[in-house]
């Protein structure tokens, strides 16, 4: 994810006003929370007019949805790893573990996670929205373990065991 430098420091200006707006929103949300951020401050930080901001996002809820979508985009890399019979199990597990650890050590990912978690704790409506968007996050990883189990590669291990360890 290269939208912002550590999502707290927006680069000078990108080639996309929408990226500038998202970067500014993330910076404001990280600093003040969604509730404490204002569309006016987001527009100012993005160096766009309020009219441009509202043209792209009708309100902070739409901006928060875009932040959730960014988070899902980073997580999707973990869910797009199909089990491959021709590659040794330990290599695939090592790759999955490496991707999970790399993700949890990524400052951009952690910033997005903090924003999403805090907003979910603040509002039941936000929590329900996050839950509905994230409900399929583990399907890719679970599918990997299910496929590996069907192929006999797990030798009787419970398919969800590794999923819980890695996820």
C-alpha atoms as a PDB file:
ATOM      1  CA  UNK A   1       0.000   0.000   0.000  1.00  0.00           C
ATOM      2  CA  UNK A   2       1.642   3.233  -1.052  1.00  0.00           C
ATOM      3  CA  UNK A   3      -1.223   5.665  -0.672  1.00  0.00           C
ATOM      4  CA  UNK A   4       0.565   7.576   2.077  1.00  0.00           C
ATOM      5  CA  UNK A   5       3.924   7.439   3.743  1.00  0.00           C
ATOM      6  CA  UNK A   6       2.994   5.429   6.831  1.00  0.00           C
ATOM      7  CA  UNK A   7      -0.535   6.760   6.311  1.00  0.00           C
ATOM      8  CA  UNK A   8       0.205   9.585   8.671  1.00  0.00           C
ATOM      9  CA  UNK A   9       2.305  11.733   6.403  1.00  0.00           C
ATOM     10  CA  UNK A  10       0.790  12.451   3.040  1.00  0.00           C
ATOM     11  CA  UNK A  11       3.274  12.998   0.254  1.00  0.00           C
ATOM     12  CA  UNK A  12       3.210  16.410  -1.398  1.00  0.00           C
ATOM     13  CA  UNK A  13       0.413  15.583  -3.889  1.00  0.00           C
ATOM     14  CA  UNK A  14      -0.425  12.482  -5.823  1.00  0.00           C
ATOM     15  CA  UNK A  15      -1.732  12.262  -9.368  1.00  0.00           C
ATOM     16  CA  UNK A  16      -5.181  11.491  -8.003  1.00  0.00           C
ATOM     17  CA  UNK A  17      -7.378  13.817  -5.961  1.00  0.00           C
ATOM     18  CA  UNK A  18      -9.167  10.758  -4.640  1.00  0.00           C
ATOM     19  CA  UNK A  19      -5.880   9.354  -3.281  1.00  0.00           C
ATOM     20  CA  UNK A  20      -5.088  12.738  -1.726  1.00  0.00           C
ATOM     21  CA  UNK A  21      -8.513  12.761  -0.072  1.00  0.00           C
ATOM     22  CA  UNK A  22      -8.161   9.199   1.213  1.00  0.00           C
ATOM     23  CA  UNK A  23      -4.691   9.893   2.544  1.00  0.00           C
ATOM     24  CA  UNK A  24      -5.935  13.021   4.297  1.00  0.00           C
ATOM     25  CA  UNK A  25      -8.935  11.169   5.730  1.00  0.00           C
ATOM     26  CA  UNK A  26      -6.734   8.376   7.044  1.00  0.00           C
ATOM     27  CA  UNK A  27      -4.385  10.898   8.634  1.00  0.00           C
ATOM     28  CA  UNK A  28      -7.279  12.752  10.250  1.00  0.00           C
ATOM     29  CA  UNK A  29      -9.016   9.544  11.371  1.00  0.00           C
ATOM     30  CA  UNK A  30      -5.769   8.238  12.870  1.00  0.00           C
ATOM     31  CA  UNK A  31      -5.172  11.468  14.752  1.00  0.00           C
ATOM     32  CA  UNK A  32      -8.703  12.468  15.797  1.00  0.00           C
ATOM     33  CA  UNK A  33     -10.895   9.414  15.177  1.00  0.00           C
ATOM     34  CA  UNK A  34     -13.740   9.379  12.706  1.00  0.00           C
ATOM     35  CA  UNK A  35     -16.014  11.247  15.086  1.00  0.00           C
ATOM     36  CA  UNK A  36     -13.453  13.981  15.796  1.00  0.00           C
ATOM     37  CA  UNK A  37     -12.498  14.518  12.155  1.00  0.00           C
ATOM     38  CA  UNK A  38     -14.247  17.056   9.990  1.00  0.00           C
ATOM     39  CA  UNK A  39     -14.789  17.152   6.264  1.00  0.00           C
ATOM     40  CA  UNK A  40     -13.370  20.679   6.305  1.00  0.00           C
ATOM     41  CA  UNK A  41     -10.071  19.548   7.853  1.00  0.00           C
ATOM     42  CA  UNK A  42      -9.881  16.565   5.505  1.00  0.00           C
ATOM     43  CA  UNK A  43     -10.352  18.848   2.480  1.00  0.00           C
ATOM     44  CA  UNK A  44      -7.718  21.234   3.801  1.00  0.00           C
ATOM     45  CA  UNK A  45      -5.203  18.441   4.447  1.00  0.00           C
ATOM     46  CA  UNK A  46      -5.903  16.973   0.980  1.00  0.00           C
ATOM     47  CA  UNK A  47      -5.480  20.415  -0.573  1.00  0.00           C
ATOM     48  CA  UNK A  48      -8.821  20.166  -2.343  1.00  0.00           C
ATOM     49  CA  UNK A  49     -11.959  22.248  -2.109  1.00  0.00           C
ATOM     50  CA  UNK A  50     -14.824  21.038   0.049  1.00  0.00           C
ATOM     51  CA  UNK A  51     -16.843  20.823  -3.163  1.00  0.00           C
ATOM     52  CA  UNK A  52     -14.289  18.363  -4.617  1.00  0.00           C
ATOM     53  CA  UNK A  53     -14.315  16.365  -1.397  1.00  0.00           C
ATOM     54  CA  UNK A  54     -18.107  16.102  -1.347  1.00  0.00           C
ATOM     55  CA  UNK A  55     -18.126  15.249  -5.050  1.00  0.00           C
ATOM     56  CA  UNK A  56     -16.008  12.169  -4.248  1.00  0.00           C
ATOM     57  CA  UNK A  57     -17.433  11.302  -0.811  1.00  0.00           C
ATOM     58  CA  UNK A  58     -20.825  12.458   0.424  1.00  0.00           C
ATOM     59  CA  UNK A  59     -19.844  12.186   4.090  1.00  0.00           C
ATOM     60  CA  UNK A  60     -17.397  10.713   6.609  1.00  0.00           C
ATOM     61  CA  UNK A  61     -19.234   7.386   6.516  1.00  0.00           C
ATOM     62  CA  UNK A  62     -18.338   7.008   2.842  1.00  0.00           C
ATOM     63  CA  UNK A  63     -14.731   7.898   3.645  1.00  0.00           C
ATOM     64  CA  UNK A  64     -14.723   5.325   6.446  1.00  0.00           C
ATOM     65  CA  UNK A  65     -16.080   2.747   3.983  1.00  0.00           C
ATOM     66  CA  UNK A  66     -13.167   3.565   1.675  1.00  0.00           C
ATOM     67  CA  UNK A  67     -10.747   3.015   4.582  1.00  0.00           C
ATOM     68  CA  UNK A  68     -12.348  -0.371   5.246  1.00  0.00           C
ATOM     69  CA  UNK A  69     -11.984  -1.224   1.565  1.00  0.00           C
ATOM     70  CA  UNK A  70      -8.276  -0.344   1.733  1.00  0.00           C
ATOM     71  CA  UNK A  71      -7.928  -2.649   4.737  1.00  0.00           C
ATOM     72  CA  UNK A  72      -9.689  -5.452   2.881  1.00  0.00           C
ATOM     73  CA  UNK A  73      -7.373  -4.897  -0.073  1.00  0.00           C
ATOM     74  CA  UNK A  74      -4.308  -5.484   2.083  1.00  0.00           C
ATOM     75  CA  UNK A  75      -5.830  -8.564   3.699  1.00  0.00           C
ATOM     76  CA  UNK A  76      -6.844 -10.025   0.327  1.00  0.00           C
ATOM     77  CA  UNK A  77      -3.207 -10.884  -0.385  1.00  0.00           C
ATOM     78  CA  UNK A  78      -3.421 -13.493   2.366  1.00  0.00           C
ATOM     79  CA  UNK A  79      -6.639 -14.944   1.029  1.00  0.00           C
ATOM     80  CA  UNK A  80      -5.354 -15.345  -2.524  1.00  0.00           C
ATOM     81  CA  UNK A  81      -2.952 -18.190  -1.789  1.00  0.00           C
ATOM     82  CA  UNK A  82      -4.409 -21.441  -3.138  1.00  0.00           C
ATOM     83  CA  UNK A  83      -3.097 -24.778  -1.924  1.00  0.00           C
ATOM     84  CA  UNK A  84      -0.767 -26.315  -4.522  1.00  0.00           C
ATOM     85  CA  UNK A  85      -0.171 -30.062  -4.433  1.00  0.00           C
ATOM     86  CA  UNK A  86       3.124 -29.785  -6.324  1.00  0.00           C
ATOM     87  CA  UNK A  87       4.748 -27.489  -3.743  1.00  0.00           C
ATOM     88  CA  UNK A  88       5.887 -28.999  -0.412  1.00  0.00           C
ATOM     89  CA  UNK A  89       3.556 -28.272   2.505  1.00  0.00           C
ATOM     90  CA  UNK A  90       6.240 -26.635   4.663  1.00  0.00           C
ATOM     91  CA  UNK A  91       7.092 -24.167   1.868  1.00  0.00           C
ATOM     92  CA  UNK A  92       3.455 -23.163   1.498  1.00  0.00           C
ATOM     93  CA  UNK A  93       2.959 -22.823   5.251  1.00  0.00           C
ATOM     94  CA  UNK A  94       6.136 -20.789   5.516  1.00  0.00           C
ATOM     95  CA  UNK A  95       4.879 -18.501   2.746  1.00  0.00           C
ATOM     96  CA  UNK A  96       1.483 -18.078   4.427  1.00  0.00           C
ATOM     97  CA  UNK A  97       3.111 -17.367   7.798  1.00  0.00           C
ATOM     98  CA  UNK A  98       5.559 -14.919   6.219  1.00  0.00           C
ATOM     99  CA  UNK A  99       2.733 -13.020   4.524  1.00  0.00           C
ATOM    100  CA  UNK A 100       0.724 -12.876   7.769  1.00  0.00           C
ATOM    101  CA  UNK A 101       3.720 -11.659   9.789  1.00  0.00           C
ATOM    102  CA  UNK A 102       4.719  -9.164   7.113  1.00  0.00           C
ATOM    103  CA  UNK A 103       1.203  -7.763   7.120  1.00  0.00           C
ATOM    104  CA  UNK A 104       1.082  -7.373  10.898  1.00  0.00           C
ATOM    105  CA  UNK A 105       4.440  -5.582  10.836  1.00  0.00           C
ATOM    106  CA  UNK A 106       3.323  -3.119   8.164  1.00  0.00           C
ATOM    107  CA  UNK A 107       2.788   0.314   9.736  1.00  0.00           C
ATOM    108  CA  UNK A 108       0.193   1.278   7.106  1.00  0.00           C
ATOM    109  CA  UNK A 109      -1.811  -1.860   7.833  1.00  0.00           C
ATOM    110  CA  UNK A 110      -1.588  -1.250  11.584  1.00  0.00           C
ATOM    111  CA  UNK A 111      -2.778   2.340  11.196  1.00  0.00           C
ATOM    112  CA  UNK A 112      -5.763   1.223   9.133  1.00  0.00           C
ATOM    113  CA  UNK A 113      -6.467  -1.531  11.673  1.00  0.00           C
ATOM    114  CA  UNK A 114      -6.461   0.943  14.562  1.00  0.00           C
ATOM    115  CA  UNK A 115      -8.909   3.213  12.759  1.00  0.00           C
ATOM    116  CA  UNK A 116     -11.270   0.348  11.902  1.00  0.00           C
ATOM    117  CA  UNK A 117     -11.105  -1.231  15.374  1.00  0.00           C
ATOM    118  CA  UNK A 118     -11.597   2.022  17.269  1.00  0.00           C
ATOM    119  CA  UNK A 119     -14.529   3.049  15.098  1.00  0.00           C
ATOM    120  CA  UNK A 120     -16.060  -0.417  15.533  1.00  0.00           C
ATOM    121  CA  UNK A 121     -15.787  -0.083  19.289  1.00  0.00           C
ATOM    122  CA  UNK A 122     -17.353   3.371  19.235  1.00  0.00           C
ATOM    123  CA  UNK A 123     -20.415   2.528  17.198  1.00  0.00           C
ATOM    124  CA  UNK A 124     -22.545  -0.593  16.886  1.00  0.00           C
ATOM    125  CA  UNK A 125     -23.548   0.535  13.404  1.00  0.00           C
ATOM    126  CA  UNK A 126     -19.893   0.821  12.386  1.00  0.00           C
ATOM    127  CA  UNK A 127     -19.149  -2.562  13.976  1.00  0.00           C
ATOM    128  CA  UNK A 128     -21.982  -4.170  12.022  1.00  0.00           C
ATOM    129  CA  UNK A 129     -20.706  -2.564   8.806  1.00  0.00           C
ATOM    130  CA  UNK A 130     -17.157  -3.783   9.462  1.00  0.00           C
ATOM    131  CA  UNK A 131     -18.367  -7.276  10.341  1.00  0.00           C
ATOM    132  CA  UNK A 132     -20.410  -7.543   7.161  1.00  0.00           C
ATOM    133  CA  UNK A 133     -17.475  -6.411   5.011  1.00  0.00           C
ATOM    134  CA  UNK A 134     -14.926  -8.621   6.770  1.00  0.00           C
ATOM    135  CA  UNK A 135     -17.111 -11.755   6.987  1.00  0.00           C
ATOM    136  CA  UNK A 136     -15.372 -13.411   4.050  1.00  0.00           C
ATOM    137  CA  UNK A 137     -11.813 -12.507   5.037  1.00  0.00           C
ATOM    138  CA  UNK A 138     -10.932 -15.939   6.342  1.00  0.00           C
ATOM    139  CA  UNK A 139     -12.513 -17.868   3.477  1.00  0.00           C
ATOM    140  CA  UNK A 140      -9.320 -17.904   1.422  1.00  0.00           C
ATOM    141  CA  UNK A 141      -7.199 -19.183   4.285  1.00  0.00           C
ATOM    142  CA  UNK A 142      -9.861 -21.689   5.365  1.00  0.00           C
ATOM    143  CA  UNK A 143     -10.161 -22.804   1.739  1.00  0.00           C
ATOM    144  CA  UNK A 144      -6.407 -23.404   1.618  1.00  0.00           C
ATOM    145  CA  UNK A 145      -6.567 -25.682   4.655  1.00  0.00           C
ATOM    146  CA  UNK A 146      -9.712 -27.458   3.386  1.00  0.00           C
ATOM    147  CA  UNK A 147      -8.071 -28.151   0.026  1.00  0.00           C
ATOM    148  CA  UNK A 148      -4.870 -29.344   1.711  1.00  0.00           C
ATOM    149  CA  UNK A 149      -6.895 -31.643   3.962  1.00  0.00           C
ATOM    150  CA  UNK A 150      -8.834 -33.113   1.007  1.00  0.00           C
ATOM    151  CA  UNK A 151      -5.505 -33.738  -0.725  1.00  0.00           C
ATOM    152  CA  UNK A 152      -4.352 -35.685   2.348  1.00  0.00           C
ATOM    153  CA  UNK A 153      -1.552 -33.229   3.063  1.00  0.00           C
ATOM    154  CA  UNK A 154      -2.591 -32.503   6.637  1.00  0.00           C
ATOM    155  CA  UNK A 155      -2.565 -36.129   7.762  1.00  0.00           C
ATOM    156  CA  UNK A 156      -5.616 -35.904   9.987  1.00  0.00           C
ATOM    157  CA  UNK A 157      -4.950 -32.431  11.374  1.00  0.00           C
ATOM    158  CA  UNK A 158      -7.971 -30.272  11.926  1.00  0.00           C
ATOM    159  CA  UNK A 159      -8.293 -27.872   9.020  1.00  0.00           C
ATOM    160  CA  UNK A 160      -9.163 -24.902  11.232  1.00  0.00           C
ATOM    161  CA  UNK A 161      -6.228 -25.369  13.591  1.00  0.00           C
ATOM    162  CA  UNK A 162      -3.632 -23.854  11.244  1.00  0.00           C
ATOM    163  CA  UNK A 163      -6.074 -21.205  10.130  1.00  0.00           C
ATOM    164  CA  UNK A 164      -6.440 -19.952  13.696  1.00  0.00           C
ATOM    165  CA  UNK A 165      -2.683 -20.031  14.236  1.00  0.00           C
ATOM    166  CA  UNK A 166      -1.948 -18.031  11.081  1.00  0.00           C
ATOM    167  CA  UNK A 167      -4.949 -15.735  11.156  1.00  0.00           C
END
